Amino acid sequence: MFIPDVKPKSVDAATGKAHKIVVKTVPTLLRIRITDHLGGYLGGLHYKLEVGKVTKEDVVPATGLIECAISATERTGMLRLWKNKGPGIVGYSFPLELGALEHESVDRACKERLIHLAYDCGGTSPPTATIDAQTQDALQAFQNRKALTVNGTLDAPTREKLRSTNEAH
């Protein structure tokens, strides 16, 4: 996978006048997978997702995956789930902390960081701790881009660079 470098843009504008420049931002795709305690997908539940000005209500698909475009600046939200919806029905509420990842010492968290940086570790399922061939390829691409030793392993310099790159991203 190749991620191009940022290209600065300039705009010619007359001096001494006011100008309005609008910067278009790309929304962040929030992805939440609803699973049971064994990791099986929980579809069919009613949900309400609230993040900033965005509210989405629907039924969780069979894949357990809820996706919603949100502002990249949002840091909190709320997810509510119900088996049945109606008066007097009590559901579950889950406060969301957005942008938080596990410590980089956890292999699964390193895969999450690679995915966050748009490296393909294979599939859309929640990352596992397994470092397979596709993850090794993603690691090598990341290591090459960041001028690290290209070995496809989660060594200490790679873990640290994944952490610092995600914090800056």
N, C-alpha and C. Protein backbone atom coordinates (compact mmCIF):
# COMPACT_ATOMS: atom_id res chain seq x y z
N MET A 1 0.84 -1.16 0.00
CA MET A 1 0.00 0.00 0.00
C MET A 1 0.89 1.23 0.00
N PHE A 2 0.48 2.26 -0.72
CA PHE A 2 1.24 3.49 -0.81
C PHE A 2 0.38 4.65 -0.35
N ILE A 3 0.90 5.43 0.57
CA ILE A 3 0.21 6.64 1.03
C ILE A 3 1.04 7.82 0.55
N PRO A 4 0.48 8.67 -0.34
CA PRO A 4 1.26 9.77 -0.88
C PRO A 4 1.56 10.83 0.18
N ASP A 5 2.66 11.56 -0.05
CA ASP A 5 3.01 12.66 0.84
C ASP A 5 2.00 13.79 0.68
N VAL A 6 1.90 14.61 1.72
CA VAL A 6 1.01 15.77 1.68
C VAL A 6 1.57 16.77 0.69
N LYS A 7 0.71 17.33 -0.16
CA LYS A 7 1.13 18.33 -1.12
C LYS A 7 0.56 19.69 -0.70
N PRO A 8 1.45 20.65 -0.41
CA PRO A 8 0.95 21.98 -0.04
C PRO A 8 0.21 22.61 -1.22
N LYS A 9 -0.78 23.43 -0.90
CA LYS A 9 -1.56 24.10 -1.93
C LYS A 9 -1.47 25.60 -1.69
N SER A 10 -1.31 26.35 -2.74
CA SER A 10 -1.27 27.80 -2.60
C SER A 10 -2.41 28.40 -3.43
N VAL A 11 -2.87 29.56 -2.98
CA VAL A 11 -3.96 30.26 -3.65
C VAL A 11 -3.52 31.69 -3.87
N ASP A 12 -3.64 32.16 -5.12
CA ASP A 12 -3.33 33.56 -5.41
C ASP A 12 -4.49 34.42 -4.94
N ALA A 13 -4.18 35.48 -4.19
CA ALA A 13 -5.22 36.38 -3.69
C ALA A 13 -4.63 37.78 -3.57
N ALA A 14 -5.45 38.75 -3.88
CA ALA A 14 -5.01 40.15 -3.82
C ALA A 14 -4.77 40.56 -2.37
N THR A 15 -3.73 41.36 -2.16
CA THR A 15 -3.46 41.87 -0.82
C THR A 15 -4.42 42.99 -0.50
N GLY A 16 -4.62 43.23 0.79
CA GLY A 16 -5.48 44.32 1.23
C GLY A 16 -6.96 44.02 1.16
N LYS A 17 -7.33 42.79 0.83
CA LYS A 17 -8.73 42.40 0.76
C LYS A 17 -8.96 41.18 1.64
N ALA A 18 -10.21 40.99 2.05
CA ALA A 18 -10.56 39.82 2.84
C ALA A 18 -10.91 38.67 1.90
N HIS A 19 -10.45 37.49 2.24
CA HIS A 19 -10.72 36.31 1.42
C HIS A 19 -11.20 35.18 2.33
N LYS A 20 -12.12 34.43 1.83
CA LYS A 20 -12.63 33.28 2.58
C LYS A 20 -12.06 32.02 1.93
N ILE A 21 -11.33 31.25 2.72
CA ILE A 21 -10.77 29.99 2.24
C ILE A 21 -11.41 28.87 3.04
N VAL A 22 -12.04 27.96 2.34
CA VAL A 22 -12.72 26.84 2.98
C VAL A 22 -11.88 25.59 2.79
N VAL A 23 -11.55 24.94 3.88
CA VAL A 23 -10.78 23.71 3.84
C VAL A 23 -11.76 22.55 4.04
N LYS A 24 -11.81 21.70 3.05
CA LYS A 24 -12.71 20.55 3.16
C LYS A 24 -12.03 19.46 3.97
N THR A 25 -12.72 18.95 4.95
CA THR A 25 -12.17 17.87 5.76
C THR A 25 -12.88 16.57 5.39
N VAL A 26 -12.18 15.51 5.53
CA VAL A 26 -12.74 14.20 5.27
C VAL A 26 -13.25 13.64 6.59
N PRO A 27 -14.52 13.23 6.64
CA PRO A 27 -15.01 12.67 7.91
C PRO A 27 -14.29 11.37 8.25
N THR A 28 -14.26 11.08 9.52
CA THR A 28 -13.67 9.83 10.00
C THR A 28 -14.76 8.77 10.03
N LEU A 29 -14.43 7.58 9.62
CA LEU A 29 -15.39 6.48 9.67
C LEU A 29 -15.24 5.75 10.99
N LEU A 30 -16.25 5.87 11.84
CA LEU A 30 -16.29 5.16 13.11
C LEU A 30 -16.84 3.77 12.83
N ARG A 31 -16.11 2.74 13.28
CA ARG A 31 -16.53 1.37 13.09
C ARG A 31 -16.56 0.68 14.44
N ILE A 32 -17.71 0.13 14.79
CA ILE A 32 -17.88 -0.58 16.06
C ILE A 32 -18.42 -1.96 15.74
N ARG A 33 -17.76 -3.00 16.26
CA ARG A 33 -18.22 -4.36 16.05
C ARG A 33 -18.86 -4.85 17.34
N ILE A 34 -20.11 -5.25 17.27
CA ILE A 34 -20.85 -5.75 18.44
C ILE A 34 -20.71 -7.27 18.47
N THR A 35 -20.09 -7.75 19.57
CA THR A 35 -19.86 -9.19 19.71
C THR A 35 -20.31 -9.67 21.08
N ASP A 36 -20.51 -10.96 21.19
CA ASP A 36 -20.80 -11.54 22.50
C ASP A 36 -19.48 -11.87 23.20
N HIS A 37 -19.56 -12.47 24.38
CA HIS A 37 -18.36 -12.75 25.17
C HIS A 37 -17.43 -13.78 24.53
N LEU A 38 -17.92 -14.50 23.51
CA LEU A 38 -17.09 -15.48 22.81
C LEU A 38 -16.56 -14.94 21.48
N GLY A 39 -16.90 -13.68 21.17
CA GLY A 39 -16.44 -13.08 19.92
C GLY A 39 -17.39 -13.25 18.76
N GLY A 40 -18.55 -13.89 18.99
CA GLY A 40 -19.55 -14.04 17.92
C GLY A 40 -20.26 -12.72 17.67
N TYR A 41 -20.63 -12.47 16.42
CA TYR A 41 -21.28 -11.21 16.06
C TYR A 41 -22.72 -11.19 16.57
N LEU A 42 -23.12 -10.04 17.09
CA LEU A 42 -24.48 -9.86 17.60
C LEU A 42 -25.25 -8.92 16.68
N GLY A 43 -25.99 -9.50 15.75
CA GLY A 43 -26.84 -8.72 14.87
C GLY A 43 -28.26 -8.71 15.41
N GLY A 44 -29.08 -7.83 14.86
CA GLY A 44 -30.50 -7.80 15.21
C GLY A 44 -30.84 -6.92 16.39
N LEU A 45 -29.85 -6.37 17.07
CA LEU A 45 -30.12 -5.47 18.19
C LEU A 45 -30.44 -4.07 17.66
N HIS A 46 -31.33 -3.38 18.33
CA HIS A 46 -31.60 -1.98 18.00
C HIS A 46 -30.49 -1.15 18.63
N TYR A 47 -30.09 -0.08 17.95
CA TYR A 47 -29.05 0.78 18.53
C TYR A 47 -29.30 2.25 18.24
N LYS A 48 -28.73 3.07 19.09
CA LYS A 48 -28.69 4.51 18.89
C LYS A 48 -27.26 4.94 19.18
N LEU A 49 -26.61 5.53 18.19
CA LEU A 49 -25.24 6.00 18.31
C LEU A 49 -25.26 7.52 18.28
N GLU A 50 -24.65 8.14 19.29
CA GLU A 50 -24.58 9.60 19.36
C GLU A 50 -23.12 10.01 19.52
N VAL A 51 -22.63 10.75 18.54
CA VAL A 51 -21.26 11.26 18.58
C VAL A 51 -21.31 12.69 18.05
N GLY A 52 -21.06 13.66 18.92
CA GLY A 52 -21.13 15.06 18.51
C GLY A 52 -22.52 15.39 18.00
N LYS A 53 -22.58 15.97 16.80
CA LYS A 53 -23.86 16.35 16.19
C LYS A 53 -24.50 15.20 15.43
N VAL A 54 -23.84 14.05 15.38
CA VAL A 54 -24.33 12.91 14.61
C VAL A 54 -25.10 11.96 15.52
N THR A 55 -26.32 11.62 15.10
CA THR A 55 -27.12 10.60 15.78
C THR A 55 -27.58 9.61 14.72
N LYS A 56 -27.36 8.33 14.98
CA LYS A 56 -27.78 7.30 14.04
C LYS A 56 -28.52 6.22 14.82
N GLU A 57 -29.73 5.90 14.35
CA GLU A 57 -30.53 4.83 14.96
C GLU A 57 -30.84 3.80 13.89
N ASP A 58 -30.66 2.54 14.24
CA ASP A 58 -30.90 1.48 13.26
C ASP A 58 -30.89 0.13 13.99
N VAL A 59 -30.77 -0.93 13.22
CA VAL A 59 -30.64 -2.29 13.74
C VAL A 59 -29.26 -2.78 13.36
N VAL A 60 -28.55 -3.39 14.31
CA VAL A 60 -27.21 -3.92 14.05
C VAL A 60 -27.32 -5.02 13.00
N PRO A 61 -26.54 -4.92 11.90
CA PRO A 61 -26.59 -5.98 10.88
C PRO A 61 -26.02 -7.30 11.40
N ALA A 62 -26.25 -8.36 10.66
CA ALA A 62 -25.81 -9.70 11.07
C ALA A 62 -24.31 -9.77 11.29
N THR A 63 -23.55 -8.91 10.62
CA THR A 63 -22.09 -8.88 10.78
C THR A 63 -21.66 -8.23 12.09
N GLY A 64 -22.61 -7.63 12.81
CA GLY A 64 -22.31 -6.95 14.06
C GLY A 64 -21.62 -5.61 13.88
N LEU A 65 -21.44 -5.16 12.62
CA LEU A 65 -20.66 -3.96 12.34
C LEU A 65 -21.54 -2.73 12.17
N ILE A 66 -21.29 -1.74 13.02
CA ILE A 66 -21.94 -0.43 12.90
C ILE A 66 -20.89 0.52 12.33
N GLU A 67 -21.24 1.23 11.27
CA GLU A 67 -20.34 2.22 10.67
C GLU A 67 -21.07 3.55 10.58
N CYS A 68 -20.33 4.63 10.87
CA CYS A 68 -20.93 5.95 10.85
C CYS A 68 -19.84 6.99 10.62
N ALA A 69 -20.08 7.93 9.70
CA ALA A 69 -19.13 9.02 9.46
C ALA A 69 -19.28 10.06 10.56
N ILE A 70 -18.17 10.43 11.19
CA ILE A 70 -18.17 11.42 12.26
C ILE A 70 -17.03 12.41 12.03
N SER A 71 -17.04 13.49 12.79
CA SER A 71 -15.95 14.45 12.75
C SER A 71 -14.72 13.82 13.40
N ALA A 72 -13.57 14.05 12.79
CA ALA A 72 -12.31 13.50 13.32
C ALA A 72 -11.93 14.12 14.66
N THR A 73 -12.57 15.22 15.03
CA THR A 73 -12.21 15.89 16.29
C THR A 73 -13.00 15.36 17.48
N GLU A 74 -13.99 14.54 17.25
CA GLU A 74 -14.81 14.02 18.36
C GLU A 74 -14.00 13.04 19.20
N ARG A 75 -14.16 13.11 20.51
CA ARG A 75 -13.43 12.23 21.42
C ARG A 75 -14.34 11.38 22.31
N THR A 76 -15.62 11.71 22.36
CA THR A 76 -16.55 10.93 23.19
C THR A 76 -17.85 10.71 22.43
N GLY A 77 -18.60 9.76 22.90
CA GLY A 77 -19.91 9.47 22.33
C GLY A 77 -20.64 8.49 23.22
N MET A 78 -21.81 8.05 22.76
CA MET A 78 -22.62 7.10 23.52
C MET A 78 -23.26 6.12 22.54
N LEU A 79 -23.21 4.84 22.89
CA LEU A 79 -23.89 3.80 22.13
C LEU A 79 -24.89 3.14 23.05
N ARG A 80 -26.14 3.09 22.60
CA ARG A 80 -27.19 2.42 23.37
C ARG A 80 -27.70 1.23 22.54
N LEU A 81 -27.89 0.10 23.21
CA LEU A 81 -28.36 -1.13 22.56
C LEU A 81 -29.60 -1.65 23.26
N TRP A 82 -30.56 -2.16 22.46
CA TRP A 82 -31.77 -2.79 22.99
C TRP A 82 -32.06 -4.04 22.19
N LYS A 83 -32.52 -5.09 22.88
CA LYS A 83 -32.97 -6.27 22.16
C LYS A 83 -34.34 -5.98 21.54
N ASN A 84 -35.21 -5.38 22.32
CA ASN A 84 -36.52 -4.94 21.84
C ASN A 84 -36.66 -3.47 22.17
N LYS A 85 -37.32 -2.73 21.32
CA LYS A 85 -37.47 -1.30 21.54
C LYS A 85 -38.93 -1.01 21.87
N GLY A 86 -39.15 -0.18 22.86
CA GLY A 86 -40.52 0.19 23.21
C GLY A 86 -40.56 0.81 24.60
N PRO A 87 -41.74 1.24 25.02
CA PRO A 87 -41.88 1.86 26.34
C PRO A 87 -41.49 0.88 27.45
N GLY A 88 -40.72 1.36 28.40
CA GLY A 88 -40.34 0.55 29.54
C GLY A 88 -39.22 -0.43 29.28
N ILE A 89 -38.70 -0.49 28.08
CA ILE A 89 -37.61 -1.41 27.76
C ILE A 89 -36.29 -0.78 28.18
N VAL A 90 -35.56 -1.52 28.99
CA VAL A 90 -34.26 -1.04 29.45
C VAL A 90 -33.18 -1.68 28.58
N GLY A 91 -32.28 -0.85 28.09
CA GLY A 91 -31.20 -1.37 27.26
C GLY A 91 -29.87 -1.20 27.96
N TYR A 92 -28.84 -1.21 27.18
CA TYR A 92 -27.48 -1.04 27.69
C TYR A 92 -26.89 0.23 27.09
N SER A 93 -26.17 0.98 27.91
CA SER A 93 -25.51 2.20 27.46
C SER A 93 -24.00 2.02 27.59
N PHE A 94 -23.29 2.40 26.54
CA PHE A 94 -21.83 2.28 26.52
C PHE A 94 -21.23 3.63 26.18
N PRO A 95 -20.57 4.28 27.15
CA PRO A 95 -19.86 5.51 26.81
C PRO A 95 -18.66 5.17 25.92
N LEU A 96 -18.41 6.00 24.93
CA LEU A 96 -17.34 5.75 23.97
C LEU A 96 -16.21 6.75 24.17
N GLU A 97 -15.00 6.26 24.20
CA GLU A 97 -13.80 7.09 24.19
C GLU A 97 -13.16 6.88 22.84
N LEU A 98 -13.25 7.88 21.98
CA LEU A 98 -12.79 7.74 20.60
C LEU A 98 -11.33 8.15 20.48
N GLY A 99 -10.62 7.42 19.67
CA GLY A 99 -9.21 7.73 19.45
C GLY A 99 -8.28 7.02 20.41
N ALA A 100 -8.80 6.27 21.36
CA ALA A 100 -7.96 5.58 22.33
C ALA A 100 -7.61 4.19 21.80
N LEU A 101 -6.35 3.82 21.92
CA LEU A 101 -5.89 2.50 21.51
C LEU A 101 -5.18 1.83 22.68
N GLU A 102 -5.13 0.51 22.63
CA GLU A 102 -4.38 -0.22 23.64
C GLU A 102 -2.90 0.15 23.57
N HIS A 103 -2.19 -0.18 24.61
CA HIS A 103 -0.75 0.10 24.69
C HIS A 103 -0.03 -0.63 23.55
N GLU A 104 1.01 0.01 23.00
CA GLU A 104 1.70 -0.56 21.85
C GLU A 104 2.45 -1.85 22.15
N SER A 105 2.53 -2.26 23.41
CA SER A 105 3.17 -3.54 23.73
C SER A 105 2.26 -4.72 23.35
N VAL A 106 0.99 -4.46 23.07
CA VAL A 106 0.04 -5.50 22.69
C VAL A 106 0.03 -5.61 21.17
N ASP A 107 0.32 -6.81 20.65
CA ASP A 107 0.39 -7.01 19.19
C ASP A 107 -0.89 -6.57 18.49
N ARG A 108 -2.04 -6.90 19.06
CA ARG A 108 -3.32 -6.52 18.46
C ARG A 108 -3.41 -5.00 18.31
N ALA A 109 -2.91 -4.26 19.31
CA ALA A 109 -2.94 -2.79 19.24
C ALA A 109 -2.04 -2.28 18.13
N CYS A 110 -0.92 -2.94 17.89
CA CYS A 110 -0.04 -2.54 16.79
C CYS A 110 -0.74 -2.75 15.45
N LYS A 111 -1.49 -3.84 15.32
CA LYS A 111 -2.25 -4.06 14.09
C LYS A 111 -3.32 -2.98 13.95
N GLU A 112 -3.97 -2.60 15.05
CA GLU A 112 -4.97 -1.52 15.00
C GLU A 112 -4.32 -0.22 14.53
N ARG A 113 -3.13 0.05 15.00
CA ARG A 113 -2.42 1.27 14.60
C ARG A 113 -2.07 1.22 13.10
N LEU A 114 -1.62 0.08 12.61
CA LEU A 114 -1.35 -0.06 11.18
C LEU A 114 -2.61 0.19 10.36
N ILE A 115 -3.72 -0.40 10.77
CA ILE A 115 -4.99 -0.22 10.07
C ILE A 115 -5.40 1.25 10.10
N HIS A 116 -5.24 1.88 11.26
CA HIS A 116 -5.58 3.30 11.40
C HIS A 116 -4.77 4.15 10.43
N LEU A 117 -3.55 3.73 10.14
CA LEU A 117 -2.69 4.46 9.22
C LEU A 117 -2.88 4.00 7.77
N ALA A 118 -3.91 3.20 7.52
CA ALA A 118 -4.32 2.74 6.19
C ALA A 118 -3.40 1.66 5.61
N TYR A 119 -2.74 0.90 6.46
CA TYR A 119 -1.99 -0.27 5.99
C TYR A 119 -2.92 -1.47 6.07
N ASP A 120 -2.89 -2.32 5.06
CA ASP A 120 -3.80 -3.46 4.97
C ASP A 120 -3.24 -4.66 5.72
N CYS A 121 -3.89 -4.98 6.84
CA CYS A 121 -3.50 -6.17 7.62
C CYS A 121 -4.45 -7.33 7.34
N GLY A 122 -5.33 -7.16 6.36
CA GLY A 122 -6.25 -8.22 5.99
C GLY A 122 -7.56 -8.16 6.72
N GLY A 123 -8.65 -8.13 5.98
CA GLY A 123 -9.99 -8.20 6.54
C GLY A 123 -10.40 -6.98 7.33
N THR A 124 -11.66 -7.00 7.78
CA THR A 124 -12.21 -5.91 8.57
C THR A 124 -12.61 -6.36 9.97
N SER A 125 -12.33 -7.61 10.27
CA SER A 125 -12.67 -8.13 11.60
C SER A 125 -11.80 -7.46 12.65
N PRO A 126 -12.19 -7.51 13.91
CA PRO A 126 -11.31 -6.95 14.92
C PRO A 126 -9.94 -7.62 14.85
N PRO A 127 -8.87 -6.83 14.91
CA PRO A 127 -7.53 -7.43 14.83
C PRO A 127 -7.28 -8.44 15.94
N THR A 128 -6.56 -9.49 15.58
CA THR A 128 -6.13 -10.48 16.57
C THR A 128 -4.65 -10.25 16.83
N ALA A 129 -4.11 -10.98 17.77
CA ALA A 129 -2.68 -10.85 18.09
C ALA A 129 -1.81 -11.59 17.09
N THR A 130 -2.40 -12.35 16.18
CA THR A 130 -1.63 -13.14 15.22
C THR A 130 -0.96 -12.23 14.19
N ILE A 131 0.34 -12.38 14.05
CA ILE A 131 1.09 -11.64 13.03
C ILE A 131 1.25 -12.57 11.84
N ASP A 132 0.30 -12.47 10.89
CA ASP A 132 0.32 -13.34 9.72
C ASP A 132 1.11 -12.69 8.59
N ALA A 133 1.14 -13.35 7.44
CA ALA A 133 1.93 -12.86 6.30
C ALA A 133 1.47 -11.49 5.83
N GLN A 134 0.15 -11.24 5.83
CA GLN A 134 -0.36 -9.94 5.38
C GLN A 134 0.04 -8.83 6.36
N THR A 135 0.02 -9.14 7.64
CA THR A 135 0.45 -8.16 8.64
C THR A 135 1.95 -7.90 8.52
N GLN A 136 2.72 -8.95 8.25
CA GLN A 136 4.17 -8.76 8.05
C GLN A 136 4.44 -7.85 6.85
N ASP A 137 3.66 -8.01 5.78
CA ASP A 137 3.80 -7.13 4.61
C ASP A 137 3.48 -5.69 4.99
N ALA A 138 2.43 -5.49 5.78
CA ALA A 138 2.06 -4.15 6.22
C ALA A 138 3.16 -3.56 7.11
N LEU A 139 3.71 -4.39 7.99
CA LEU A 139 4.80 -3.93 8.85
C LEU A 139 6.02 -3.53 8.02
N GLN A 140 6.35 -4.33 7.02
CA GLN A 140 7.50 -4.00 6.18
C GLN A 140 7.28 -2.68 5.42
N ALA A 141 6.08 -2.48 4.93
CA ALA A 141 5.78 -1.22 4.23
C ALA A 141 5.90 -0.03 5.18
N PHE A 142 5.38 -0.18 6.40
CA PHE A 142 5.48 0.88 7.41
C PHE A 142 6.94 1.12 7.77
N GLN A 143 7.68 0.06 8.03
CA GLN A 143 9.10 0.20 8.40
C GLN A 143 9.89 0.88 7.29
N ASN A 144 9.62 0.52 6.05
CA ASN A 144 10.31 1.12 4.92
C ASN A 144 10.00 2.62 4.85
N ARG A 145 8.72 2.97 5.00
CA ARG A 145 8.29 4.38 4.92
C ARG A 145 8.89 5.21 6.05
N LYS A 146 9.10 4.61 7.20
CA LYS A 146 9.60 5.34 8.37
C LYS A 146 11.11 5.15 8.58
N ALA A 147 11.80 4.59 7.58
CA ALA A 147 13.26 4.41 7.61
C ALA A 147 13.71 3.58 8.81
N LEU A 148 12.93 2.55 9.13
CA LEU A 148 13.29 1.60 10.17
C LEU A 148 13.92 0.37 9.51
N THR A 149 14.50 -0.49 10.33
CA THR A 149 14.99 -1.77 9.80
C THR A 149 13.79 -2.55 9.28
N VAL A 150 13.81 -2.92 8.00
CA VAL A 150 12.68 -3.61 7.38
C VAL A 150 12.83 -5.11 7.62
N ASN A 151 12.08 -5.59 8.64
CA ASN A 151 12.15 -7.01 8.97
C ASN A 151 10.77 -7.64 9.18
N GLY A 152 9.70 -6.84 9.11
CA GLY A 152 8.35 -7.38 9.25
C GLY A 152 8.02 -7.87 10.63
N THR A 153 8.79 -7.45 11.64
CA THR A 153 8.51 -7.87 13.01
C THR A 153 8.15 -6.66 13.86
N LEU A 154 7.48 -6.93 14.95
CA LEU A 154 7.10 -5.87 15.89
C LEU A 154 8.21 -5.68 16.93
N ASP A 155 9.36 -5.21 16.47
CA ASP A 155 10.46 -4.92 17.39
C ASP A 155 10.18 -3.60 18.11
N ALA A 156 10.98 -3.29 19.11
CA ALA A 156 10.76 -2.09 19.93
C ALA A 156 10.74 -0.80 19.12
N PRO A 157 11.67 -0.57 18.18
CA PRO A 157 11.60 0.68 17.40
C PRO A 157 10.32 0.79 16.56
N THR A 158 9.84 -0.33 16.03
CA THR A 158 8.62 -0.31 15.22
C THR A 158 7.41 0.00 16.10
N ARG A 159 7.34 -0.64 17.27
CA ARG A 159 6.24 -0.35 18.20
C ARG A 159 6.21 1.13 18.58
N GLU A 160 7.36 1.68 18.90
CA GLU A 160 7.44 3.09 19.30
C GLU A 160 7.04 4.01 18.15
N LYS A 161 7.50 3.71 16.94
CA LYS A 161 7.17 4.54 15.77
C LYS A 161 5.68 4.44 15.44
N LEU A 162 5.09 3.25 15.61
CA LEU A 162 3.63 3.11 15.41
C LEU A 162 2.88 3.99 16.40
N ARG A 163 3.32 3.98 17.67
CA ARG A 163 2.66 4.81 18.69
C ARG A 163 2.78 6.28 18.35
N SER A 164 3.99 6.76 18.09
CA SER A 164 4.20 8.18 17.87
C SER A 164 3.54 8.65 16.57
N THR A 165 3.54 7.82 15.55
CA THR A 165 2.90 8.20 14.28
C THR A 165 1.39 8.31 14.46
N ASN A 166 0.79 7.39 15.22
CA ASN A 166 -0.66 7.46 15.45
C ASN A 166 -1.02 8.67 16.29
N GLU A 167 -0.18 9.03 17.26
CA GLU A 167 -0.48 10.21 18.08
C GLU A 167 -0.44 11.48 17.25
N ALA A 168 0.46 11.52 16.26
CA ALA A 168 0.59 12.71 15.41
C ALA A 168 -0.46 12.74 14.32
N HIS A 169 -1.07 11.61 14.03
CA HIS A 169 -2.00 11.49 12.91
C HIS A 169 -3.35 12.09 13.23
